Amino acid sequence: MGYELHITRAEPPIGFEEWLDFARRRSDLREEGEVSYLDLESQPVYLHTCRDGVEVSLHWYGDRVRVKGVRSERGAGSLVRMADALRGRLVGDEGEVYGRRGLLRWFRRVVNP
């Protein structure tokens, strides 16, 4: 599995129906296929072209929107706007938090100190 970013929100978490409604209303997202999980029915996958021209995929799973394919902080910028529209934030697998101007903070995960 590759590195991912996530659009998350603490309270209330992003629900599946909320995500679908949001994604279907956005002109910068287009539905393109689906992804399946053992514990869920198939979920639609949406594509988005980031500011750096790279196309990324987004889908909902576990109260968050998973984003695959981001290659730069500049590319993450348009996803931050999307997270803002969902009243959430854009975070990476390793705890980094992104803002409109790029990486804001990096929280190191301590494993077995």
N, C-alpha and C. Protein backbone atom coordinates (compact mmCIF):
# COMPACT_ATOMS: atom_id res chain seq x y z
N MET A 1 0.84 -1.17 0.00
CA MET A 1 0.00 0.00 0.00
C MET A 1 0.89 1.24 0.00
N GLY A 2 0.51 2.24 -0.78
CA GLY A 2 1.27 3.47 -0.86
C GLY A 2 0.89 4.47 0.22
N TYR A 3 1.56 5.60 0.18
CA TYR A 3 1.31 6.67 1.13
C TYR A 3 0.00 7.36 0.80
N GLU A 4 -0.76 7.72 1.83
CA GLU A 4 -2.06 8.37 1.62
C GLU A 4 -2.17 9.64 2.45
N LEU A 5 -3.05 10.51 2.00
CA LEU A 5 -3.51 11.63 2.79
C LEU A 5 -4.96 11.34 3.13
N HIS A 6 -5.46 12.02 4.15
CA HIS A 6 -6.83 11.79 4.60
C HIS A 6 -7.49 13.11 4.92
N ILE A 7 -8.75 13.25 4.53
CA ILE A 7 -9.56 14.38 4.97
C ILE A 7 -10.35 13.86 6.16
N THR A 8 -10.11 14.47 7.32
CA THR A 8 -10.74 14.00 8.55
C THR A 8 -11.44 15.15 9.27
N ARG A 9 -12.33 14.77 10.15
CA ARG A 9 -13.01 15.75 11.01
C ARG A 9 -13.31 15.05 12.33
N ALA A 10 -13.03 15.73 13.43
CA ALA A 10 -13.22 15.10 14.74
C ALA A 10 -14.70 14.90 15.06
N GLU A 11 -15.45 15.96 15.18
CA GLU A 11 -16.86 15.85 15.58
C GLU A 11 -17.72 16.76 14.74
N PRO A 12 -18.72 16.27 14.14
CA PRO A 12 -18.97 14.85 13.92
C PRO A 12 -18.07 14.35 12.80
N PRO A 13 -17.71 13.07 12.81
CA PRO A 13 -16.90 12.51 11.73
C PRO A 13 -17.63 12.64 10.39
N ILE A 14 -16.88 12.57 9.32
CA ILE A 14 -17.46 12.65 7.98
C ILE A 14 -18.20 11.35 7.70
N GLY A 15 -19.49 11.43 7.50
CA GLY A 15 -20.30 10.26 7.22
C GLY A 15 -20.32 9.93 5.73
N PHE A 16 -20.65 8.70 5.42
CA PHE A 16 -20.68 8.25 4.03
C PHE A 16 -21.66 9.05 3.19
N GLU A 17 -22.89 9.22 3.67
CA GLU A 17 -23.89 9.97 2.90
C GLU A 17 -23.48 11.42 2.72
N GLU A 18 -22.88 12.00 3.75
CA GLU A 18 -22.40 13.38 3.63
C GLU A 18 -21.33 13.47 2.55
N TRP A 19 -20.40 12.52 2.53
CA TRP A 19 -19.34 12.51 1.52
C TRP A 19 -19.94 12.37 0.12
N LEU A 20 -20.86 11.43 -0.06
CA LEU A 20 -21.46 11.25 -1.39
C LEU A 20 -22.15 12.51 -1.86
N ASP A 21 -22.92 13.14 -1.00
CA ASP A 21 -23.62 14.38 -1.36
C ASP A 21 -22.61 15.46 -1.73
N PHE A 22 -21.57 15.60 -0.94
CA PHE A 22 -20.52 16.58 -1.19
C PHE A 22 -19.85 16.32 -2.54
N ALA A 23 -19.41 15.08 -2.76
CA ALA A 23 -18.67 14.73 -3.97
C ALA A 23 -19.52 14.91 -5.23
N ARG A 24 -20.77 14.56 -5.16
CA ARG A 24 -21.65 14.67 -6.33
C ARG A 24 -21.94 16.12 -6.71
N ARG A 25 -21.85 17.03 -5.75
CA ARG A 25 -22.10 18.45 -6.03
C ARG A 25 -20.87 19.19 -6.54
N ARG A 26 -19.70 18.60 -6.44
CA ARG A 26 -18.46 19.29 -6.80
C ARG A 26 -18.13 19.11 -8.27
N SER A 27 -17.90 20.22 -8.95
CA SER A 27 -17.53 20.14 -10.37
C SER A 27 -16.08 19.69 -10.55
N ASP A 28 -15.27 19.77 -9.50
CA ASP A 28 -13.87 19.36 -9.61
C ASP A 28 -13.64 17.90 -9.23
N LEU A 29 -14.72 17.16 -8.99
CA LEU A 29 -14.64 15.72 -8.72
C LEU A 29 -15.49 14.98 -9.75
N ARG A 30 -14.96 13.88 -10.24
CA ARG A 30 -15.77 13.05 -11.15
C ARG A 30 -15.67 11.59 -10.71
N GLU A 31 -16.81 10.93 -10.72
CA GLU A 31 -16.85 9.53 -10.31
C GLU A 31 -16.19 8.67 -11.37
N GLU A 32 -15.33 7.78 -10.91
CA GLU A 32 -14.57 6.93 -11.84
C GLU A 32 -14.27 5.60 -11.17
N GLY A 33 -15.22 4.68 -11.23
CA GLY A 33 -14.98 3.35 -10.68
C GLY A 33 -15.39 3.23 -9.23
N GLU A 34 -14.91 2.15 -8.62
CA GLU A 34 -15.26 1.87 -7.22
C GLU A 34 -14.15 1.07 -6.57
N VAL A 35 -14.20 1.04 -5.24
CA VAL A 35 -13.26 0.26 -4.45
C VAL A 35 -14.09 -0.59 -3.50
N SER A 36 -13.60 -1.79 -3.22
CA SER A 36 -14.34 -2.71 -2.33
C SER A 36 -13.50 -3.04 -1.11
N TYR A 37 -14.19 -3.18 0.01
CA TYR A 37 -13.58 -3.61 1.26
C TYR A 37 -14.36 -4.81 1.77
N LEU A 38 -13.72 -5.67 2.53
CA LEU A 38 -14.40 -6.85 3.06
C LEU A 38 -15.54 -6.48 3.99
N ASP A 39 -15.39 -5.40 4.75
CA ASP A 39 -16.39 -5.02 5.73
C ASP A 39 -17.41 -3.99 5.23
N LEU A 40 -17.33 -3.58 3.97
CA LEU A 40 -18.26 -2.61 3.40
C LEU A 40 -18.63 -2.99 1.98
N GLU A 41 -19.75 -2.45 1.53
CA GLU A 41 -20.10 -2.61 0.12
C GLU A 41 -19.14 -1.76 -0.70
N SER A 42 -19.20 -1.91 -2.01
CA SER A 42 -18.35 -1.12 -2.89
C SER A 42 -18.60 0.37 -2.67
N GLN A 43 -17.52 1.14 -2.73
CA GLN A 43 -17.58 2.59 -2.54
C GLN A 43 -17.16 3.26 -3.84
N PRO A 44 -17.85 4.33 -4.25
CA PRO A 44 -17.41 5.04 -5.46
C PRO A 44 -16.08 5.74 -5.24
N VAL A 45 -15.29 5.78 -6.30
CA VAL A 45 -14.02 6.49 -6.30
C VAL A 45 -14.19 7.74 -7.15
N TYR A 46 -13.68 8.85 -6.66
CA TYR A 46 -13.74 10.12 -7.39
C TYR A 46 -12.34 10.55 -7.75
N LEU A 47 -12.20 11.18 -8.92
CA LEU A 47 -10.91 11.70 -9.36
C LEU A 47 -10.92 13.22 -9.28
N HIS A 48 -9.76 13.76 -8.97
CA HIS A 48 -9.58 15.21 -8.85
C HIS A 48 -8.21 15.55 -9.41
N THR A 49 -8.12 16.62 -10.20
CA THR A 49 -6.84 17.08 -10.70
C THR A 49 -6.34 18.19 -9.79
N CYS A 50 -5.20 17.95 -9.17
CA CYS A 50 -4.62 18.91 -8.23
C CYS A 50 -3.99 20.09 -8.97
N ARG A 51 -3.62 21.12 -8.22
CA ARG A 51 -3.03 22.33 -8.81
C ARG A 51 -1.73 22.05 -9.55
N ASP A 52 -1.04 20.97 -9.21
CA ASP A 52 0.20 20.65 -9.91
C ASP A 52 -0.05 19.78 -11.14
N GLY A 53 -1.33 19.55 -11.48
CA GLY A 53 -1.69 18.78 -12.66
C GLY A 53 -1.79 17.28 -12.45
N VAL A 54 -1.50 16.81 -11.26
CA VAL A 54 -1.55 15.38 -10.96
C VAL A 54 -2.97 14.98 -10.58
N GLU A 55 -3.43 13.89 -11.16
CA GLU A 55 -4.77 13.38 -10.85
C GLU A 55 -4.68 12.43 -9.65
N VAL A 56 -5.55 12.66 -8.67
CA VAL A 56 -5.58 11.83 -7.46
C VAL A 56 -6.95 11.19 -7.33
N SER A 57 -7.02 10.12 -6.55
CA SER A 57 -8.30 9.46 -6.31
C SER A 57 -8.72 9.67 -4.86
N LEU A 58 -10.04 9.78 -4.67
CA LEU A 58 -10.60 9.98 -3.34
C LEU A 58 -11.74 9.00 -3.14
N HIS A 59 -11.82 8.43 -1.96
CA HIS A 59 -12.97 7.60 -1.61
C HIS A 59 -13.14 7.61 -0.09
N TRP A 60 -14.33 7.29 0.35
CA TRP A 60 -14.66 7.31 1.77
C TRP A 60 -14.42 5.93 2.37
N TYR A 61 -13.88 5.93 3.59
CA TYR A 61 -13.75 4.70 4.36
C TYR A 61 -13.49 5.07 5.82
N GLY A 62 -14.26 4.52 6.71
CA GLY A 62 -14.02 4.69 8.14
C GLY A 62 -14.10 6.12 8.64
N ASP A 63 -15.12 6.84 8.25
CA ASP A 63 -15.35 8.22 8.70
C ASP A 63 -14.30 9.22 8.23
N ARG A 64 -13.65 8.92 7.13
CA ARG A 64 -12.67 9.84 6.55
C ARG A 64 -12.65 9.65 5.04
N VAL A 65 -12.11 10.62 4.34
CA VAL A 65 -11.93 10.52 2.90
C VAL A 65 -10.46 10.20 2.66
N ARG A 66 -10.21 9.09 2.00
CA ARG A 66 -8.84 8.67 1.72
C ARG A 66 -8.43 9.22 0.35
N VAL A 67 -7.23 9.77 0.28
CA VAL A 67 -6.72 10.40 -0.94
C VAL A 67 -5.43 9.70 -1.33
N LYS A 68 -5.38 9.23 -2.57
CA LYS A 68 -4.18 8.54 -3.07
C LYS A 68 -3.64 9.27 -4.30
N GLY A 69 -2.33 9.38 -4.37
CA GLY A 69 -1.68 9.91 -5.57
C GLY A 69 -1.11 11.30 -5.45
N VAL A 70 -1.24 11.96 -4.30
CA VAL A 70 -0.68 13.31 -4.14
C VAL A 70 0.84 13.21 -4.17
N ARG A 71 1.47 14.09 -4.95
CA ARG A 71 2.92 14.01 -5.11
C ARG A 71 3.67 15.22 -4.59
N SER A 72 2.95 16.29 -4.23
CA SER A 72 3.65 17.49 -3.78
C SER A 72 2.78 18.30 -2.83
N GLU A 73 3.43 19.20 -2.08
CA GLU A 73 2.67 20.09 -1.21
C GLU A 73 1.77 21.00 -2.03
N ARG A 74 2.26 21.44 -3.18
CA ARG A 74 1.44 22.29 -4.05
C ARG A 74 0.19 21.53 -4.47
N GLY A 75 0.35 20.27 -4.81
CA GLY A 75 -0.80 19.46 -5.19
C GLY A 75 -1.79 19.29 -4.06
N ALA A 76 -1.29 19.26 -2.84
CA ALA A 76 -2.17 19.11 -1.68
C ALA A 76 -3.01 20.36 -1.43
N GLY A 77 -2.59 21.50 -1.96
CA GLY A 77 -3.29 22.75 -1.70
C GLY A 77 -4.77 22.74 -2.05
N SER A 78 -5.12 22.20 -3.21
CA SER A 78 -6.54 22.18 -3.58
C SER A 78 -7.32 21.20 -2.72
N LEU A 79 -6.64 20.20 -2.19
CA LEU A 79 -7.30 19.25 -1.29
C LEU A 79 -7.56 19.88 0.07
N VAL A 80 -6.71 20.81 0.47
CA VAL A 80 -6.94 21.54 1.72
C VAL A 80 -8.24 22.33 1.60
N ARG A 81 -8.48 22.95 0.46
CA ARG A 81 -9.73 23.69 0.24
C ARG A 81 -10.93 22.75 0.34
N MET A 82 -10.77 21.55 -0.18
CA MET A 82 -11.84 20.55 -0.09
C MET A 82 -12.08 20.17 1.37
N ALA A 83 -11.00 19.96 2.11
CA ALA A 83 -11.12 19.64 3.54
C ALA A 83 -11.81 20.79 4.28
N ASP A 84 -11.44 22.02 3.95
CA ASP A 84 -12.09 23.18 4.57
C ASP A 84 -13.59 23.18 4.31
N ALA A 85 -13.97 22.86 3.08
CA ALA A 85 -15.39 22.84 2.72
C ALA A 85 -16.15 21.78 3.51
N LEU A 86 -15.46 20.73 3.92
CA LEU A 86 -16.07 19.68 4.75
C LEU A 86 -15.88 19.97 6.25
N ARG A 87 -15.34 21.14 6.57
CA ARG A 87 -15.04 21.51 7.96
C ARG A 87 -14.08 20.51 8.61
N GLY A 88 -13.14 20.03 7.80
CA GLY A 88 -12.17 19.06 8.28
C GLY A 88 -10.76 19.55 8.05
N ARG A 89 -9.81 18.62 8.07
CA ARG A 89 -8.42 18.97 7.80
C ARG A 89 -7.77 17.85 6.99
N LEU A 90 -6.69 18.20 6.32
CA LEU A 90 -5.94 17.26 5.49
C LEU A 90 -4.71 16.81 6.27
N VAL A 91 -4.61 15.51 6.52
CA VAL A 91 -3.49 14.96 7.27
C VAL A 91 -2.88 13.78 6.51
N GLY A 92 -1.61 13.53 6.78
CA GLY A 92 -0.92 12.42 6.15
C GLY A 92 -0.83 11.21 7.05
N ASP A 93 -0.38 10.11 6.47
CA ASP A 93 -0.23 8.85 7.21
C ASP A 93 0.68 8.98 8.42
N GLU A 94 1.62 9.90 8.38
CA GLU A 94 2.58 10.03 9.47
C GLU A 94 2.28 11.20 10.39
N GLY A 95 1.05 11.74 10.31
CA GLY A 95 0.63 12.77 11.23
C GLY A 95 0.84 14.20 10.79
N GLU A 96 1.39 14.42 9.61
CA GLU A 96 1.58 15.79 9.16
C GLU A 96 0.23 16.42 8.80
N VAL A 97 0.13 17.72 9.03
CA VAL A 97 -1.10 18.46 8.77
C VAL A 97 -0.80 19.49 7.69
N TYR A 98 -1.65 19.55 6.66
CA TYR A 98 -1.44 20.46 5.55
C TYR A 98 -2.39 21.64 5.62
N GLY A 99 -1.87 22.82 5.23
CA GLY A 99 -2.67 24.03 5.11
C GLY A 99 -2.60 24.51 3.67
N ARG A 100 -3.22 25.63 3.38
CA ARG A 100 -3.25 26.14 2.00
C ARG A 100 -1.87 26.49 1.46
N ARG A 101 -0.93 26.74 2.33
CA ARG A 101 0.43 27.08 1.88
C ARG A 101 1.39 25.90 2.02
N GLY A 102 0.87 24.73 2.21
CA GLY A 102 1.72 23.54 2.31
C GLY A 102 1.69 22.93 3.70
N LEU A 103 2.78 22.27 4.03
CA LEU A 103 2.88 21.56 5.30
C LEU A 103 2.85 22.55 6.46
N LEU A 104 1.94 22.33 7.41
CA LEU A 104 1.84 23.20 8.57
C LEU A 104 2.61 22.65 9.76
N ARG A 105 2.34 21.40 10.10
CA ARG A 105 2.95 20.78 11.27
C ARG A 105 3.23 19.32 10.98
N TRP A 106 4.19 18.83 11.69
CA TRP A 106 4.52 17.41 11.58
C TRP A 106 4.51 16.84 12.99
N PHE A 107 3.65 15.88 13.22
CA PHE A 107 3.59 15.22 14.52
C PHE A 107 4.25 13.86 14.38
N ARG A 108 5.36 13.69 15.03
CA ARG A 108 6.04 12.39 14.96
C ARG A 108 5.30 11.39 15.82
N ARG A 109 5.07 10.24 15.27
CA ARG A 109 4.49 9.16 16.04
C ARG A 109 5.62 8.43 16.75
N VAL A 110 5.47 8.26 18.02
CA VAL A 110 6.48 7.54 18.79
C VAL A 110 5.98 6.12 18.99
N VAL A 111 6.76 5.18 18.51
CA VAL A 111 6.39 3.77 18.63
C VAL A 111 7.43 3.09 19.50
N ASN A 112 6.97 2.49 20.57
CA ASN A 112 7.85 1.79 21.51
C ASN A 112 9.07 2.64 21.90
N PRO A 113 8.84 3.75 22.63
CA PRO A 113 9.96 4.63 22.99
C PRO A 113 10.98 3.94 23.87
